Amino acid sequence: MSVLIVGGGMTGATLALAISRLTGGALPVHLIEAQDPHSSRHPRL
């Protein structure tokens, strides 16, 4: 079993980190984002 988080911006990233830490890395967490995290462009523009 694994967890797939699609979108969510900083909230999704925080949830992914929390799940990973709470399970000690035993539960794989995958995060899919439409925007490049290094992009300075606002996603709504």
N, C-alpha and C. Protein backbone atom coordinates (compact mmCIF):
# COMPACT_ATOMS: atom_id res chain seq x y z
N MET A 1 0.85 -1.17 0.00
CA MET A 1 0.00 0.00 0.00
C MET A 1 0.90 1.24 0.00
N SER A 2 0.40 2.30 -0.63
CA SER A 2 1.11 3.58 -0.63
C SER A 2 0.07 4.70 -0.67
N VAL A 3 0.52 5.91 -0.42
CA VAL A 3 -0.35 7.08 -0.42
C VAL A 3 0.03 7.94 -1.61
N LEU A 4 -0.97 8.39 -2.36
CA LEU A 4 -0.76 9.28 -3.49
C LEU A 4 -1.50 10.58 -3.19
N ILE A 5 -0.76 11.69 -3.14
CA ILE A 5 -1.34 13.00 -2.90
C ILE A 5 -1.21 13.79 -4.19
N VAL A 6 -2.36 14.21 -4.73
CA VAL A 6 -2.37 14.95 -5.99
C VAL A 6 -2.71 16.40 -5.69
N GLY A 7 -1.75 17.28 -5.92
CA GLY A 7 -1.96 18.71 -5.69
C GLY A 7 -1.96 19.07 -4.22
N GLY A 8 -2.50 20.22 -3.95
CA GLY A 8 -2.59 20.68 -2.57
C GLY A 8 -1.56 21.71 -2.20
N GLY A 9 -0.61 21.98 -3.09
CA GLY A 9 0.41 23.00 -2.80
C GLY A 9 1.17 22.70 -1.52
N MET A 10 1.32 23.72 -0.70
CA MET A 10 2.06 23.55 0.55
C MET A 10 1.33 22.62 1.52
N THR A 11 0.00 22.61 1.46
CA THR A 11 -0.78 21.72 2.32
C THR A 11 -0.51 20.27 1.96
N GLY A 12 -0.50 19.96 0.66
CA GLY A 12 -0.22 18.60 0.22
C GLY A 12 1.19 18.17 0.58
N ALA A 13 2.15 19.08 0.43
CA ALA A 13 3.54 18.78 0.78
C ALA A 13 3.68 18.54 2.28
N THR A 14 2.98 19.33 3.07
CA THR A 14 3.02 19.16 4.53
C THR A 14 2.39 17.83 4.93
N LEU A 15 1.28 17.48 4.30
CA LEU A 15 0.63 16.19 4.57
C LEU A 15 1.56 15.03 4.21
N ALA A 16 2.23 15.12 3.06
CA ALA A 16 3.16 14.07 2.65
C ALA A 16 4.28 13.90 3.66
N LEU A 17 4.83 15.00 4.12
CA LEU A 17 5.90 14.94 5.11
C LEU A 17 5.40 14.36 6.43
N ALA A 18 4.22 14.78 6.86
CA ALA A 18 3.66 14.28 8.12
C ALA A 18 3.41 12.78 8.06
N ILE A 19 2.82 12.30 6.97
CA ILE A 19 2.56 10.86 6.83
C ILE A 19 3.87 10.08 6.83
N SER A 20 4.85 10.58 6.11
CA SER A 20 6.14 9.90 6.05
C SER A 20 6.80 9.81 7.43
N ARG A 21 6.76 10.91 8.15
CA ARG A 21 7.39 10.93 9.48
C ARG A 21 6.62 10.06 10.48
N LEU A 22 5.29 10.13 10.44
CA LEU A 22 4.47 9.37 11.39
C LEU A 22 4.58 7.86 11.17
N THR A 23 4.83 7.45 9.93
CA THR A 23 4.96 6.02 9.64
C THR A 23 6.42 5.57 9.64
N GLY A 24 7.32 6.48 9.94
CA GLY A 24 8.74 6.14 9.95
C GLY A 24 9.26 5.74 8.58
N GLY A 25 8.60 6.23 7.54
CA GLY A 25 9.02 5.91 6.17
C GLY A 25 8.54 4.55 5.69
N ALA A 26 7.77 3.84 6.52
CA ALA A 26 7.30 2.51 6.15
C ALA A 26 6.20 2.56 5.09
N LEU A 27 5.48 3.68 5.00
CA LEU A 27 4.41 3.84 4.03
C LEU A 27 4.88 4.80 2.95
N PRO A 28 5.05 4.31 1.72
CA PRO A 28 5.51 5.19 0.64
C PRO A 28 4.49 6.30 0.36
N VAL A 29 4.98 7.52 0.21
CA VAL A 29 4.13 8.67 -0.09
C VAL A 29 4.61 9.29 -1.40
N HIS A 30 3.68 9.48 -2.32
CA HIS A 30 3.99 10.08 -3.62
C HIS A 30 3.21 11.37 -3.74
N LEU A 31 3.88 12.43 -4.14
CA LEU A 31 3.27 13.75 -4.27
C LEU A 31 3.36 14.19 -5.73
N ILE A 32 2.20 14.52 -6.32
CA ILE A 32 2.15 14.96 -7.71
C ILE A 32 1.65 16.40 -7.73
N GLU A 33 2.44 17.28 -8.33
CA GLU A 33 2.08 18.70 -8.44
C GLU A 33 2.14 19.11 -9.91
N ALA A 34 1.24 19.99 -10.31
CA ALA A 34 1.23 20.50 -11.68
C ALA A 34 2.32 21.54 -11.89
N GLN A 35 2.64 22.28 -10.84
CA GLN A 35 3.64 23.35 -10.92
C GLN A 35 5.01 22.87 -10.48
N ASP A 36 6.03 23.35 -11.16
CA ASP A 36 7.41 23.10 -10.75
C ASP A 36 7.65 23.82 -9.42
N PRO A 37 8.13 23.13 -8.39
CA PRO A 37 8.32 23.78 -7.09
C PRO A 37 9.34 24.92 -7.11
N HIS A 38 10.18 24.97 -8.13
CA HIS A 38 11.19 26.03 -8.21
C HIS A 38 10.73 27.20 -9.08
N SER A 39 9.50 27.12 -9.59
CA SER A 39 8.97 28.18 -10.43
C SER A 39 8.54 29.37 -9.58
N SER A 40 8.85 30.57 -10.04
CA SER A 40 8.45 31.77 -9.30
C SER A 40 7.12 32.31 -9.83
N ARG A 41 6.57 31.64 -10.82
CA ARG A 41 5.31 32.08 -11.41
C ARG A 41 4.14 31.60 -10.57
N HIS A 42 3.18 32.48 -10.35
CA HIS A 42 1.99 32.12 -9.59
C HIS A 42 1.16 31.14 -10.41
N PRO A 43 0.64 30.05 -9.81
CA PRO A 43 -0.07 29.02 -10.58
C PRO A 43 -1.35 29.52 -11.25
N ARG A 44 -1.92 30.62 -10.80
CA ARG A 44 -3.17 31.12 -11.37
C ARG A 44 -2.96 32.12 -12.51
N LEU A 45 -1.71 32.41 -12.83
CA LEU A 45 -1.44 33.38 -13.90
C LEU A 45 -1.24 32.71 -15.23
